[in-house]
């Protein structure tokens, strides 16, 4: 009786294993055996289903450039980019898995966050964006093709925290970005960033 029970258990295990392999093969598995969509589901707790964040301080990553996603994740993984928890999380993925996740999120739609904003400030922010940000964040901050990150429609707390990291030096700016940010600070001060963030909060070009 014990032998028969053991035999049945082994057969059941083999069936489940075969089914898992077949499922993974259908989803183009990585070395770990997990598909890109399965790996990306682990991000949902902070970044929302398919990368559509519900906030308050986590960015939406659906629709993001695969190149930009990979660069940022590698930055967290190596410690080049400082963070609260992303450094620990990024170290849990192989380079191959990060590449696959970037491809997955790049194929998801970017979902504009629903949030309030000041229309008057947003109008001014649109002009400031054209003057200081458009060259790197094209199409009013909506483009993922420039590999600089999507700004339009992101949650305002995330934009505030990220810019604070840049201004404090916790996150390094490129030379071009530093020049534009310094020009904006000199000309507009904190009010300039407030106007920009209201523009991005509007979700409108």
N, C-alpha and C. Protein backbone atom coordinates (compact mmCIF):
# COMPACT_ATOMS: atom_id res chain seq x y z
N UNK A 1 0.83 -1.21 0.00
CA UNK A 1 0.00 0.00 0.00
C UNK A 1 0.87 1.26 0.00
N UNK A 2 1.91 1.26 0.87
CA UNK A 2 2.80 2.41 0.95
C UNK A 2 3.51 2.63 -0.37
N UNK A 3 3.92 1.51 -1.02
CA UNK A 3 4.61 1.59 -2.30
C UNK A 3 3.70 2.21 -3.36
N UNK A 4 2.43 1.78 -3.38
CA UNK A 4 1.47 2.32 -4.36
C UNK A 4 1.21 3.81 -4.14
N UNK A 5 1.12 4.19 -2.87
CA UNK A 5 0.92 5.62 -2.57
C UNK A 5 2.11 6.46 -3.02
N UNK A 6 3.32 5.91 -2.77
CA UNK A 6 4.52 6.61 -3.18
C UNK A 6 4.57 6.74 -4.70
N UNK A 7 4.18 5.64 -5.37
CA UNK A 7 4.19 5.62 -6.84
C UNK A 7 3.23 6.67 -7.38
N UNK A 8 2.03 6.73 -6.79
CA UNK A 8 1.05 7.71 -7.26
C UNK A 8 1.55 9.13 -7.02
N UNK A 9 2.21 9.38 -5.87
CA UNK A 9 2.72 10.71 -5.55
C UNK A 9 3.80 11.13 -6.54
N UNK A 10 4.67 10.19 -6.90
CA UNK A 10 5.73 10.49 -7.85
C UNK A 10 5.16 10.80 -9.23
N UNK A 11 4.16 10.01 -9.64
CA UNK A 11 3.53 10.25 -10.94
C UNK A 11 2.86 11.63 -10.95
N UNK A 12 2.18 11.97 -9.84
CA UNK A 12 1.53 13.28 -9.75
C UNK A 12 2.53 14.41 -9.84
N UNK A 13 3.67 14.24 -9.14
CA UNK A 13 4.71 15.26 -9.17
C UNK A 13 5.26 15.46 -10.57
N UNK A 14 5.43 14.34 -11.28
CA UNK A 14 5.95 14.41 -12.64
C UNK A 14 4.98 15.12 -13.57
N UNK A 15 3.70 14.88 -13.37
CA UNK A 15 2.67 15.52 -14.19
C UNK A 15 2.68 17.03 -13.97
N UNK A 16 2.76 17.43 -12.67
CA UNK A 16 2.79 18.86 -12.35
C UNK A 16 4.05 19.50 -12.92
N UNK A 17 5.17 18.80 -12.78
CA UNK A 17 6.43 19.32 -13.30
C UNK A 17 6.38 19.49 -14.80
N UNK A 18 5.81 18.50 -15.49
CA UNK A 18 5.72 18.57 -16.94
C UNK A 18 4.82 19.72 -17.37
N UNK A 19 3.72 19.91 -16.61
CA UNK A 19 2.80 20.99 -16.94
C UNK A 19 3.48 22.34 -16.76
N UNK A 20 4.27 22.47 -15.68
CA UNK A 20 4.97 23.71 -15.42
C UNK A 20 5.98 24.02 -16.50
N UNK A 21 6.69 22.99 -16.94
CA UNK A 21 7.67 23.17 -18.00
C UNK A 21 7.00 23.59 -19.29
N UNK A 22 5.86 22.96 -19.59
CA UNK A 22 5.13 23.29 -20.81
C UNK A 22 4.64 24.73 -20.76
N UNK A 23 4.12 25.15 -19.58
CA UNK A 23 3.64 26.53 -19.43
C UNK A 23 4.79 27.52 -19.60
N UNK A 24 5.91 27.20 -18.94
CA UNK A 24 7.06 28.09 -19.03
C UNK A 24 7.59 28.18 -20.45
N UNK A 25 7.60 27.04 -21.16
CA UNK A 25 8.08 27.03 -22.53
C UNK A 25 7.21 27.90 -23.41
N UNK A 26 5.91 27.86 -23.14
CA UNK A 26 4.97 28.67 -23.91
C UNK A 26 5.22 30.15 -23.68
N UNK A 27 5.72 30.48 -22.47
CA UNK A 27 5.96 31.88 -22.11
C UNK A 27 7.42 32.28 -22.31
N UNK A 28 8.20 31.47 -22.98
CA UNK A 28 9.62 31.75 -23.21
C UNK A 28 10.36 31.98 -21.90
N UNK A 29 10.61 30.92 -21.13
CA UNK A 29 11.21 31.04 -19.81
C UNK A 29 12.65 31.51 -19.84
N UNK A 30 13.10 32.05 -18.73
CA UNK A 30 14.48 32.42 -18.56
C UNK A 30 15.20 31.27 -17.88
N UNK A 31 16.45 31.48 -17.52
CA UNK A 31 17.21 30.43 -16.86
C UNK A 31 16.55 30.00 -15.56
N UNK A 32 15.90 30.94 -14.88
CA UNK A 32 15.24 30.64 -13.62
C UNK A 32 13.97 29.82 -13.82
N UNK A 33 13.47 29.79 -15.04
CA UNK A 33 12.23 29.08 -15.32
C UNK A 33 11.01 29.98 -15.27
N UNK A 34 11.17 31.24 -14.88
CA UNK A 34 10.05 32.17 -14.80
C UNK A 34 9.94 32.98 -16.08
N UNK A 35 8.72 33.20 -16.52
CA UNK A 35 8.52 34.03 -17.71
C UNK A 35 8.67 35.50 -17.34
N UNK A 36 8.79 36.35 -18.35
CA UNK A 36 8.93 37.80 -18.11
C UNK A 36 7.71 38.36 -17.40
N UNK A 37 6.52 37.88 -17.76
CA UNK A 37 5.31 38.38 -17.12
C UNK A 37 5.24 37.95 -15.66
N UNK A 38 5.70 36.74 -15.36
CA UNK A 38 5.71 36.26 -13.98
C UNK A 38 6.68 37.09 -13.14
N UNK A 39 7.85 37.37 -13.68
CA UNK A 39 8.83 38.19 -12.97
C UNK A 39 8.29 39.60 -12.74
N UNK A 40 7.65 40.15 -13.75
CA UNK A 40 7.14 41.52 -13.67
C UNK A 40 6.00 41.66 -12.68
N UNK A 41 5.27 40.57 -12.44
CA UNK A 41 4.19 40.61 -11.46
C UNK A 41 4.71 40.90 -10.06
N UNK A 42 5.98 40.62 -9.81
CA UNK A 42 6.54 40.89 -8.48
C UNK A 42 6.67 42.39 -8.22
N UNK A 43 6.56 43.20 -9.24
CA UNK A 43 6.68 44.66 -9.10
C UNK A 43 5.34 45.32 -8.78
N UNK A 44 4.25 44.56 -8.91
CA UNK A 44 2.91 45.13 -8.82
C UNK A 44 2.60 45.73 -7.45
N UNK A 45 3.21 45.19 -6.39
CA UNK A 45 2.92 45.69 -5.05
C UNK A 45 3.21 47.17 -4.89
N UNK A 46 4.25 47.65 -5.58
CA UNK A 46 4.61 49.07 -5.49
C UNK A 46 4.26 49.85 -6.75
N UNK A 47 4.42 49.21 -7.91
CA UNK A 47 4.27 49.92 -9.18
C UNK A 47 2.95 49.62 -9.88
N UNK A 48 2.06 48.86 -9.25
CA UNK A 48 0.75 48.60 -9.81
C UNK A 48 0.75 47.49 -10.86
N UNK A 49 -0.43 47.00 -11.18
CA UNK A 49 -0.58 45.96 -12.18
C UNK A 49 -0.09 46.45 -13.53
N UNK A 50 0.79 45.68 -14.14
CA UNK A 50 1.40 46.03 -15.44
C UNK A 50 2.10 47.39 -15.41
N UNK A 51 2.55 47.77 -14.21
CA UNK A 51 3.33 49.01 -14.10
C UNK A 51 2.53 50.28 -14.00
N UNK A 52 1.21 50.19 -13.74
CA UNK A 52 0.37 51.39 -13.60
C UNK A 52 0.23 51.72 -12.13
N UNK A 53 1.09 52.60 -11.62
CA UNK A 53 1.17 52.88 -10.19
C UNK A 53 -0.07 53.58 -9.67
N UNK A 54 -0.42 53.23 -8.42
CA UNK A 54 -1.49 53.93 -7.72
C UNK A 54 -0.90 54.74 -6.56
N UNK A 55 0.43 54.83 -6.52
CA UNK A 55 1.16 55.75 -5.67
C UNK A 55 1.31 55.38 -4.21
N UNK A 56 1.70 56.42 -3.45
CA UNK A 56 1.85 57.80 -3.93
C UNK A 56 3.23 58.13 -4.50
N UNK A 57 4.25 57.39 -4.08
CA UNK A 57 5.61 57.81 -4.46
C UNK A 57 6.31 56.85 -5.40
N UNK A 58 5.61 55.85 -5.90
CA UNK A 58 6.22 54.91 -6.84
C UNK A 58 5.83 55.29 -8.26
N UNK A 59 6.79 55.34 -9.17
CA UNK A 59 6.46 55.75 -10.55
C UNK A 59 5.74 54.67 -11.32
N UNK A 60 4.96 55.08 -12.30
CA UNK A 60 4.40 54.13 -13.25
C UNK A 60 5.52 53.72 -14.20
N UNK A 61 5.66 52.42 -14.43
CA UNK A 61 6.74 51.94 -15.28
C UNK A 61 6.23 51.21 -16.52
N UNK A 62 4.91 51.04 -16.62
CA UNK A 62 4.35 50.50 -17.85
C UNK A 62 4.54 51.49 -18.98
N UNK A 63 4.98 51.01 -20.15
CA UNK A 63 5.22 51.90 -21.28
C UNK A 63 6.59 52.52 -21.29
N UNK A 64 7.37 52.25 -20.24
CA UNK A 64 8.73 52.79 -20.15
C UNK A 64 9.64 52.14 -21.19
N UNK A 65 10.61 52.88 -21.66
CA UNK A 65 11.60 52.34 -22.57
C UNK A 65 12.33 51.17 -21.93
N UNK A 66 12.50 50.09 -22.67
CA UNK A 66 13.21 48.92 -22.15
C UNK A 66 14.65 49.27 -21.81
N UNK A 67 15.24 50.14 -22.62
CA UNK A 67 16.62 50.56 -22.39
C UNK A 67 16.72 51.34 -21.08
N UNK A 68 15.79 52.27 -20.88
CA UNK A 68 15.80 53.09 -19.66
C UNK A 68 15.54 52.22 -18.44
N UNK A 69 14.59 51.29 -18.53
CA UNK A 69 14.28 50.38 -17.42
C UNK A 69 15.54 49.61 -17.02
N UNK A 70 16.22 49.07 -18.01
CA UNK A 70 17.41 48.27 -17.73
C UNK A 70 18.52 49.11 -17.11
N UNK A 71 18.72 50.32 -17.62
CA UNK A 71 19.75 51.20 -17.08
C UNK A 71 19.48 51.53 -15.61
N UNK A 72 18.24 51.85 -15.31
CA UNK A 72 17.88 52.21 -13.93
C UNK A 72 18.02 51.00 -13.01
N UNK A 73 17.53 49.85 -13.44
CA UNK A 73 17.63 48.64 -12.61
C UNK A 73 19.09 48.26 -12.37
N UNK A 74 19.91 48.38 -13.38
CA UNK A 74 21.33 48.07 -13.21
C UNK A 74 21.98 49.09 -12.27
N UNK A 75 21.52 50.34 -12.34
CA UNK A 75 22.02 51.36 -11.42
C UNK A 75 21.69 51.03 -9.98
N UNK A 76 20.47 50.56 -9.75
CA UNK A 76 20.09 50.14 -8.40
C UNK A 76 20.89 48.91 -7.98
N UNK A 77 21.05 47.98 -8.89
CA UNK A 77 21.73 46.72 -8.58
C UNK A 77 23.18 46.94 -8.16
N UNK A 78 23.86 47.85 -8.85
CA UNK A 78 25.27 48.11 -8.54
C UNK A 78 25.44 49.09 -7.38
N UNK A 79 24.34 49.77 -7.02
CA UNK A 79 24.43 50.76 -5.97
C UNK A 79 24.76 52.14 -6.48
N UNK A 80 24.90 52.27 -7.80
CA UNK A 80 25.20 53.57 -8.38
C UNK A 80 24.04 54.54 -8.15
N UNK A 81 22.82 54.02 -8.19
CA UNK A 81 21.63 54.82 -7.89
C UNK A 81 21.19 54.50 -6.47
N UNK A 82 21.06 55.52 -5.64
CA UNK A 82 20.65 55.31 -4.26
C UNK A 82 19.13 55.15 -4.18
N UNK A 83 18.69 54.35 -3.23
CA UNK A 83 17.26 54.15 -3.05
C UNK A 83 17.00 53.62 -1.65
N UNK A 84 15.72 53.55 -1.31
CA UNK A 84 15.36 53.00 0.00
C UNK A 84 15.37 51.47 -0.03
N UNK A 85 14.69 50.89 -1.01
CA UNK A 85 14.62 49.43 -1.07
C UNK A 85 15.00 48.84 -2.43
N UNK A 86 15.03 49.68 -3.48
CA UNK A 86 15.25 49.13 -4.82
C UNK A 86 16.62 48.49 -5.00
N UNK A 87 17.62 48.93 -4.27
CA UNK A 87 18.94 48.31 -4.38
C UNK A 87 18.87 46.85 -3.96
N UNK A 88 18.19 46.58 -2.86
CA UNK A 88 18.05 45.19 -2.40
C UNK A 88 17.21 44.37 -3.36
N UNK A 89 16.15 44.98 -3.88
CA UNK A 89 15.27 44.26 -4.79
C UNK A 89 15.98 43.94 -6.10
N UNK A 90 16.67 44.92 -6.66
CA UNK A 90 17.34 44.73 -7.96
C UNK A 90 18.39 43.63 -7.90
N UNK A 91 19.06 43.49 -6.77
CA UNK A 91 20.09 42.47 -6.63
C UNK A 91 19.51 41.05 -6.70
N UNK A 92 18.21 40.93 -6.54
CA UNK A 92 17.57 39.63 -6.59
C UNK A 92 17.31 39.11 -8.00
N UNK A 93 17.59 39.95 -9.03
CA UNK A 93 17.34 39.55 -10.41
C UNK A 93 18.65 39.42 -11.18
N UNK A 94 18.69 38.46 -12.08
CA UNK A 94 19.85 38.33 -12.95
C UNK A 94 19.77 39.40 -14.04
N UNK A 95 20.88 39.63 -14.74
CA UNK A 95 20.88 40.59 -15.83
C UNK A 95 19.88 40.18 -16.90
N UNK A 96 19.80 38.89 -17.16
CA UNK A 96 18.87 38.37 -18.17
C UNK A 96 17.43 38.64 -17.77
N UNK A 97 17.12 38.48 -16.49
CA UNK A 97 15.76 38.72 -16.01
C UNK A 97 15.41 40.20 -16.10
N UNK A 98 16.35 41.07 -15.76
CA UNK A 98 16.10 42.52 -15.85
C UNK A 98 15.81 42.93 -17.29
N UNK A 99 16.57 42.37 -18.24
CA UNK A 99 16.33 42.67 -19.65
C UNK A 99 14.94 42.22 -20.07
N UNK A 100 14.55 41.03 -19.65
CA UNK A 100 13.23 40.50 -20.01
C UNK A 100 12.12 41.34 -19.39
N UNK A 101 12.29 41.79 -18.16
CA UNK A 101 11.29 42.62 -17.51
C UNK A 101 11.16 43.97 -18.21
N UNK A 102 12.30 44.52 -18.65
CA UNK A 102 12.26 45.78 -19.38
C UNK A 102 11.46 45.66 -20.66
N UNK A 103 11.65 44.55 -21.36
CA UNK A 103 10.90 44.31 -22.60
C UNK A 103 9.42 44.17 -22.30
N UNK A 104 9.10 43.49 -21.19
CA UNK A 104 7.69 43.30 -20.82
C UNK A 104 7.02 44.64 -20.54
N UNK A 105 7.64 45.46 -19.69
CA UNK A 105 7.01 46.73 -19.32
C UNK A 105 6.95 47.70 -20.49
N UNK A 106 7.91 47.62 -21.40
CA UNK A 106 7.90 48.53 -22.56
C UNK A 106 6.70 48.27 -23.46
N UNK A 107 6.12 47.09 -23.37
CA UNK A 107 4.97 46.72 -24.21
C UNK A 107 3.63 46.99 -23.53
N UNK A 108 3.67 47.45 -22.28
CA UNK A 108 2.43 47.76 -21.56
C UNK A 108 2.06 49.22 -21.80
N UNK A 109 0.79 49.56 -21.72
CA UNK A 109 0.40 50.97 -21.90
C UNK A 109 0.79 51.81 -20.69
N UNK A 110 1.18 53.04 -20.93
CA UNK A 110 1.42 53.95 -19.81
C UNK A 110 0.07 54.51 -19.37
N UNK A 111 -0.23 54.40 -18.09
CA UNK A 111 -1.51 54.86 -17.55
C UNK A 111 -1.28 56.16 -16.78
N UNK A 112 -1.92 57.23 -17.24
CA UNK A 112 -1.79 58.54 -16.59
C UNK A 112 -2.45 58.49 -15.22
N UNK A 113 -1.74 58.94 -14.19
CA UNK A 113 -2.27 58.94 -12.83
C UNK A 113 -3.40 59.95 -12.69
N UNK A 114 -4.44 59.57 -11.96
CA UNK A 114 -5.55 60.47 -11.70
C UNK A 114 -5.24 61.28 -10.45
N UNK A 115 -5.06 62.59 -10.62
CA UNK A 115 -4.70 63.44 -9.50
C UNK A 115 -5.12 64.88 -9.79
N UNK A 116 -5.25 65.66 -8.75
CA UNK A 116 -5.66 67.06 -8.92
C UNK A 116 -4.44 67.91 -9.31
N UNK A 117 -4.72 69.05 -9.91
CA UNK A 117 -3.65 69.97 -10.30
C UNK A 117 -4.23 71.37 -10.47
N UNK A 118 -3.34 72.34 -10.45
CA UNK A 118 -3.72 73.74 -10.63
C UNK A 118 -3.55 74.09 -12.10
N UNK A 119 -4.65 74.43 -12.76
CA UNK A 119 -4.61 74.69 -14.21
C UNK A 119 -3.71 75.88 -14.55
N UNK A 120 -3.73 76.91 -13.72
CA UNK A 120 -2.90 78.08 -13.98
C UNK A 120 -1.42 77.74 -13.90
N UNK A 121 -1.04 76.97 -12.88
CA UNK A 121 0.35 76.56 -12.74
C UNK A 121 0.74 75.60 -13.86
N UNK A 122 -0.19 74.75 -14.24
CA UNK A 122 0.08 73.79 -15.32
C UNK A 122 0.37 74.52 -16.63
N UNK A 123 -0.35 75.62 -16.86
CA UNK A 123 -0.15 76.40 -18.08
C UNK A 123 1.26 76.99 -18.11
N UNK A 124 1.70 77.48 -16.97
CA UNK A 124 3.05 78.02 -16.88
C UNK A 124 4.08 76.88 -16.99
N UNK A 125 3.75 75.76 -16.38
CA UNK A 125 4.64 74.61 -16.41
C UNK A 125 4.88 74.10 -17.82
N UNK A 126 3.86 74.19 -18.67
CA UNK A 126 4.01 73.75 -20.06
C UNK A 126 5.08 74.58 -20.76
N UNK A 127 5.10 75.88 -20.48
CA UNK A 127 6.10 76.75 -21.10
C UNK A 127 7.49 76.45 -20.55
N UNK A 128 7.55 76.17 -19.25
CA UNK A 128 8.84 75.85 -18.64
C UNK A 128 9.38 74.52 -19.16
N UNK A 129 8.47 73.58 -19.37
CA UNK A 129 8.90 72.30 -19.93
C UNK A 129 9.52 72.49 -21.30
N UNK A 130 8.86 73.27 -22.14
CA UNK A 130 9.38 73.52 -23.49
C UNK A 130 10.76 74.17 -23.44
N UNK A 131 10.98 75.02 -22.46
CA UNK A 131 12.23 75.76 -22.37
C UNK A 131 13.37 74.94 -21.75
N UNK A 132 13.03 74.16 -20.71
CA UNK A 132 14.09 73.50 -19.95
C UNK A 132 14.16 71.98 -20.09
N UNK A 133 13.07 71.34 -20.47
CA UNK A 133 13.01 69.87 -20.38
C UNK A 133 12.77 69.13 -21.70
N UNK A 134 12.22 69.82 -22.67
CA UNK A 134 11.73 69.16 -23.89
C UNK A 134 12.81 68.42 -24.67
N UNK A 135 14.02 68.92 -24.67
CA UNK A 135 15.08 68.30 -25.47
C UNK A 135 15.37 66.86 -25.04
N UNK A 136 15.22 66.58 -23.76
CA UNK A 136 15.46 65.21 -23.27
C UNK A 136 14.16 64.46 -23.02
N UNK A 137 13.12 65.16 -22.62
CA UNK A 137 11.82 64.54 -22.34
C UNK A 137 10.83 65.02 -23.41
N UNK A 138 10.94 64.42 -24.58
CA UNK A 138 10.23 64.91 -25.77
C UNK A 138 8.72 64.72 -25.69
N UNK A 139 8.05 65.42 -26.63
CA UNK A 139 6.59 65.34 -26.75
C UNK A 139 5.88 65.68 -25.45
N UNK A 140 6.34 66.75 -24.82
CA UNK A 140 5.69 67.20 -23.59
C UNK A 140 5.92 66.28 -22.41
N UNK A 141 6.97 65.49 -22.48
CA UNK A 141 7.28 64.57 -21.37
C UNK A 141 6.58 63.24 -21.48
N UNK A 142 5.97 62.96 -22.65
CA UNK A 142 5.22 61.70 -22.82
C UNK A 142 6.03 60.62 -23.51
N UNK A 143 7.11 61.00 -24.18
CA UNK A 143 7.84 60.04 -25.01
C UNK A 143 8.70 59.08 -24.18
N UNK A 144 8.62 57.81 -24.56
CA UNK A 144 9.50 56.80 -23.96
C UNK A 144 10.68 56.52 -24.87
N UNK A 145 10.64 57.07 -26.07
CA UNK A 145 11.66 56.76 -27.08
C UNK A 145 12.99 57.45 -26.82
N UNK A 146 12.98 58.52 -26.00
CA UNK A 146 14.23 59.24 -25.76
C UNK A 146 15.05 58.60 -24.64
N UNK A 147 14.53 57.54 -24.03
CA UNK A 147 15.23 56.81 -22.97
C UNK A 147 15.60 57.69 -21.78
N UNK A 148 14.75 58.68 -21.49
CA UNK A 148 14.99 59.57 -20.35
C UNK A 148 13.89 59.48 -19.30
N UNK A 149 12.93 58.62 -19.53
CA UNK A 149 11.85 58.48 -18.56
C UNK A 149 10.64 59.32 -18.90
N UNK A 150 9.46 58.79 -18.64
CA UNK A 150 8.21 59.49 -18.89
C UNK A 150 7.87 60.36 -17.68
N UNK A 151 7.59 61.64 -17.92
CA UNK A 151 7.24 62.57 -16.85
C UNK A 151 5.74 62.86 -16.82
N UNK A 152 5.16 63.05 -18.00
CA UNK A 152 3.75 63.40 -18.07
C UNK A 152 2.88 62.28 -17.51
N UNK A 153 2.03 62.65 -16.54
CA UNK A 153 1.11 61.67 -15.96
C UNK A 153 1.66 60.91 -14.77
N UNK A 154 2.91 61.20 -14.38
CA UNK A 154 3.45 60.55 -13.19
C UNK A 154 2.88 61.22 -11.94
N UNK A 155 2.87 60.50 -10.83
CA UNK A 155 2.37 61.04 -9.58
C UNK A 155 3.30 62.13 -9.04
N UNK A 156 2.71 63.22 -8.57
CA UNK A 156 3.49 64.36 -8.12
C UNK A 156 4.43 64.04 -6.94
N UNK A 157 4.00 63.27 -5.93
CA UNK A 157 4.96 62.94 -4.86
C UNK A 157 6.22 62.26 -5.38
N UNK A 158 6.06 61.38 -6.36
CA UNK A 158 7.23 60.73 -6.96
C UNK A 158 8.14 61.76 -7.62
N UNK A 159 7.56 62.70 -8.36
CA UNK A 159 8.35 63.73 -9.03
C UNK A 159 9.10 64.59 -8.01
N UNK A 160 8.43 64.93 -6.91
CA UNK A 160 9.05 65.72 -5.85
C UNK A 160 10.24 64.98 -5.24
N UNK A 161 10.02 63.72 -4.86
CA UNK A 161 11.08 62.96 -4.20
C UNK A 161 12.28 62.75 -5.13
N UNK A 162 11.99 62.48 -6.40
CA UNK A 162 13.08 62.24 -7.34
C UNK A 162 13.91 63.49 -7.58
N UNK A 163 13.23 64.63 -7.77
CA UNK A 163 13.96 65.87 -7.97
C UNK A 163 14.75 66.26 -6.72
N UNK A 164 14.21 65.97 -5.54
CA UNK A 164 14.93 66.24 -4.30
C UNK A 164 16.22 65.42 -4.24
N UNK A 165 16.14 64.17 -4.70
CA UNK A 165 17.33 63.32 -4.74
C UNK A 165 18.38 63.90 -5.69
N UNK A 166 17.92 64.41 -6.82
CA UNK A 166 18.85 65.01 -7.78
C UNK A 166 19.49 66.27 -7.19
N UNK A 167 18.67 67.11 -6.59
CA UNK A 167 19.17 68.39 -6.08
C UNK A 167 20.11 68.20 -4.89
N UNK A 168 19.90 67.14 -4.10
CA UNK A 168 20.75 66.88 -2.93
C UNK A 168 22.03 66.15 -3.30
N UNK A 169 22.07 65.61 -4.53
CA UNK A 169 23.24 64.87 -4.96
C UNK A 169 23.15 63.38 -4.72
N UNK A 170 22.03 62.91 -4.14
CA UNK A 170 21.86 61.48 -3.92
C UNK A 170 21.71 60.73 -5.24
N UNK A 171 21.28 61.47 -6.25
CA UNK A 171 21.18 60.90 -7.58
C UNK A 171 21.89 61.85 -8.54
N UNK A 172 22.76 61.32 -9.37
CA UNK A 172 23.61 62.17 -10.21
C UNK A 172 22.89 62.62 -11.48
N UNK A 173 22.98 63.90 -11.76
CA UNK A 173 22.43 64.44 -13.00
C UNK A 173 23.46 64.32 -14.13
N UNK A 174 22.98 64.22 -15.35
CA UNK A 174 23.87 64.36 -16.49
C UNK A 174 24.28 65.83 -16.58
N UNK A 175 25.34 66.14 -17.32
CA UNK A 175 25.79 67.52 -17.45
C UNK A 175 24.70 68.40 -18.05
N UNK A 176 24.00 67.85 -19.06
CA UNK A 176 22.94 68.62 -19.72
C UNK A 176 21.79 68.92 -18.75
N UNK A 177 21.40 67.89 -17.97
CA UNK A 177 20.31 68.07 -17.02
C UNK A 177 20.71 69.07 -15.93
N UNK A 178 21.92 68.94 -15.42
CA UNK A 178 22.38 69.83 -14.36
C UNK A 178 22.36 71.28 -14.81
N UNK A 179 22.78 71.52 -16.05
CA UNK A 179 22.79 72.88 -16.60
C UNK A 179 21.37 73.45 -16.65
N UNK A 180 20.43 72.64 -17.15
CA UNK A 180 19.04 73.11 -17.27
C UNK A 180 18.39 73.30 -15.90
N UNK A 181 18.65 72.39 -14.98
CA UNK A 181 18.07 72.50 -13.64
C UNK A 181 18.59 73.74 -12.94
N UNK A 182 19.87 74.01 -13.05
CA UNK A 182 20.45 75.20 -12.43
C UNK A 182 19.89 76.48 -13.03
N UNK A 183 19.67 76.46 -14.34
CA UNK A 183 19.07 77.62 -15.00
C UNK A 183 17.64 77.85 -14.50
N UNK A 184 16.90 76.75 -14.34
CA UNK A 184 15.52 76.85 -13.86
C UNK A 184 15.48 77.36 -12.42
N UNK A 185 16.36 76.85 -11.58
CA UNK A 185 16.41 77.29 -10.18
C UNK A 185 16.74 78.78 -10.10
N UNK A 186 17.71 79.21 -10.88
CA UNK A 186 18.14 80.62 -10.86
C UNK A 186 17.02 81.55 -11.34
N UNK A 187 16.30 81.11 -12.37
CA UNK A 187 15.27 81.96 -12.97
C UNK A 187 13.93 81.89 -12.24
N UNK A 188 13.53 80.67 -11.83
CA UNK A 188 12.18 80.47 -11.31
C UNK A 188 12.11 80.02 -9.85
N UNK A 189 13.20 79.45 -9.33
CA UNK A 189 13.18 78.95 -7.95
C UNK A 189 12.26 77.75 -7.79
N UNK A 190 11.83 77.48 -6.57
CA UNK A 190 10.96 76.34 -6.30
C UNK A 190 9.61 76.46 -7.02
N UNK A 191 9.18 77.69 -7.27
CA UNK A 191 7.91 77.90 -7.96
C UNK A 191 7.94 77.31 -9.37
N UNK A 192 9.13 77.29 -9.96
CA UNK A 192 9.26 76.71 -11.29
C UNK A 192 9.00 75.21 -11.30
N UNK A 193 9.53 74.52 -10.30
CA UNK A 193 9.30 73.08 -10.20
C UNK A 193 7.84 72.80 -9.86
N UNK A 194 7.25 73.65 -9.03
CA UNK A 194 5.83 73.48 -8.69
C UNK A 194 4.97 73.58 -9.95
N UNK A 195 5.29 74.54 -10.81
CA UNK A 195 4.55 74.69 -12.06
C UNK A 195 4.76 73.49 -12.98
N UNK A 196 5.99 73.02 -13.07
CA UNK A 196 6.29 71.85 -13.89
C UNK A 196 5.52 70.63 -13.41
N UNK A 197 5.51 70.42 -12.11
CA UNK A 197 4.85 69.23 -11.56
C UNK A 197 3.33 69.30 -11.77
N UNK A 198 2.77 70.51 -11.72
CA UNK A 198 1.33 70.64 -12.00
C UNK A 198 1.05 70.35 -13.47
N UNK A 199 1.98 70.74 -14.33
CA UNK A 199 1.84 70.42 -15.76
C UNK A 199 1.85 68.92 -15.98
N UNK A 200 2.80 68.22 -15.37
CA UNK A 200 2.88 66.76 -15.53
C UNK A 200 1.68 66.08 -14.88
N UNK A 201 1.19 66.66 -13.78
CA UNK A 201 0.03 66.08 -13.10
C UNK A 201 -1.23 66.18 -13.97
N UNK A 202 -1.26 67.17 -14.84
CA UNK A 202 -2.45 67.38 -15.68
C UNK A 202 -2.65 66.23 -16.67
N UNK A 203 -1.57 65.59 -17.04
CA UNK A 203 -1.67 64.51 -18.01
C UNK A 203 -1.98 64.98 -19.41
N UNK A 204 -1.81 66.29 -19.66
CA UNK A 204 -2.16 66.87 -20.95
C UNK A 204 -0.96 67.58 -21.56
N UNK A 205 -0.79 67.41 -22.86
CA UNK A 205 0.26 68.12 -23.58
C UNK A 205 -0.23 69.52 -23.97
